[in-house]
Amino acid sequence: MDLKQVKIECLNHNITMSELAKKLSISRVWLYNRIQKKDSETIKKIQDVFKNTVAK
C-alpha cells in the first residue's frame, strides 16, 4: 500500500489524513514518512483502521 492508495482509501471512507493519523496516535508528518518508507507495522494498522470504518 503506497501513499496514493492510502489517500484513495481515505476518500472512500470519508476521513482526512489528519484524522487517520489521530486514530493511529501519531502526527501527520510521521504518517506520511512511514507510508513512504513502507513501514509494514504502520501499513497494517492503517488497513485495520479502514476495516473498522464503514465506507460511505
Protein backbone atom coordinates (compact mmCIF):
# COMPACT_ATOMS: atom_id res chain seq x y z
CA MET A 1 0.00 0.00 0.00
CA ASP A 2 1.55 3.27 -1.10
CA LEU A 3 0.63 6.89 -0.38
CA LYS A 4 -1.71 7.14 -3.36
CA GLN A 5 -3.66 4.06 -2.27
CA VAL A 6 -3.94 5.37 1.30
CA LYS A 7 -5.30 8.69 0.04
CA ILE A 8 -7.87 6.90 -2.13
CA GLU A 9 -8.99 4.78 0.83
CA CYS A 10 -9.29 7.93 2.95
CA LEU A 11 -11.56 9.44 0.31
CA ASN A 12 -13.63 6.26 0.14
CA HIS A 13 -14.04 6.22 3.93
CA ASN A 14 -14.58 10.00 4.11
CA ILE A 15 -11.72 10.71 6.52
CA THR A 16 -8.73 13.00 6.19
CA MET A 17 -5.11 12.04 6.52
CA SER A 18 -5.01 14.07 9.75
CA GLU A 19 -7.91 12.07 11.20
CA LEU A 20 -6.18 8.86 10.18
CA ALA A 21 -3.01 9.99 11.95
CA LYS A 22 -5.02 10.79 15.09
CA LYS A 23 -6.57 7.33 15.06
CA LEU A 24 -3.06 5.87 14.89
CA SER A 25 -1.84 8.24 17.64
CA ILE A 26 0.96 9.67 15.50
CA SER A 27 1.50 13.01 13.81
CA ARG A 28 0.52 13.57 10.20
CA VAL A 29 4.17 14.08 9.21
CA TRP A 30 5.16 10.75 10.79
CA LEU A 31 2.26 9.10 8.97
CA TYR A 32 3.46 10.38 5.59
CA ASN A 33 7.07 9.38 6.34
CA ARG A 34 6.13 5.87 7.47
CA ILE A 35 3.93 5.31 4.42
CA GLN A 36 6.70 6.47 2.08
CA LYS A 37 9.20 4.17 3.83
CA LYS A 38 6.63 1.34 3.52
CA ASP A 39 6.73 0.57 7.24
CA SER A 40 4.85 -2.73 7.43
CA GLU A 41 3.65 -2.19 11.01
CA THR A 42 2.08 1.19 10.21
CA ILE A 43 0.52 -0.07 6.99
CA LYS A 44 -1.04 -2.97 8.90
CA LYS A 45 -2.52 -0.51 11.42
CA ILE A 46 -3.84 1.67 8.58
CA GLN A 47 -5.55 -1.33 6.99
CA ASP A 48 -7.11 -2.21 10.35
CA VAL A 49 -8.49 1.33 10.69
CA PHE A 50 -10.04 1.09 7.22
CA LYS A 51 -11.56 -2.31 8.03
CA ASN A 52 -13.16 -0.90 11.19
CA THR A 53 -14.68 2.15 9.47
CA VAL A 54 -17.64 1.93 7.15
CA ALA A 55 -17.07 3.12 3.58
CA LYS A 56 -19.53 5.80 2.52
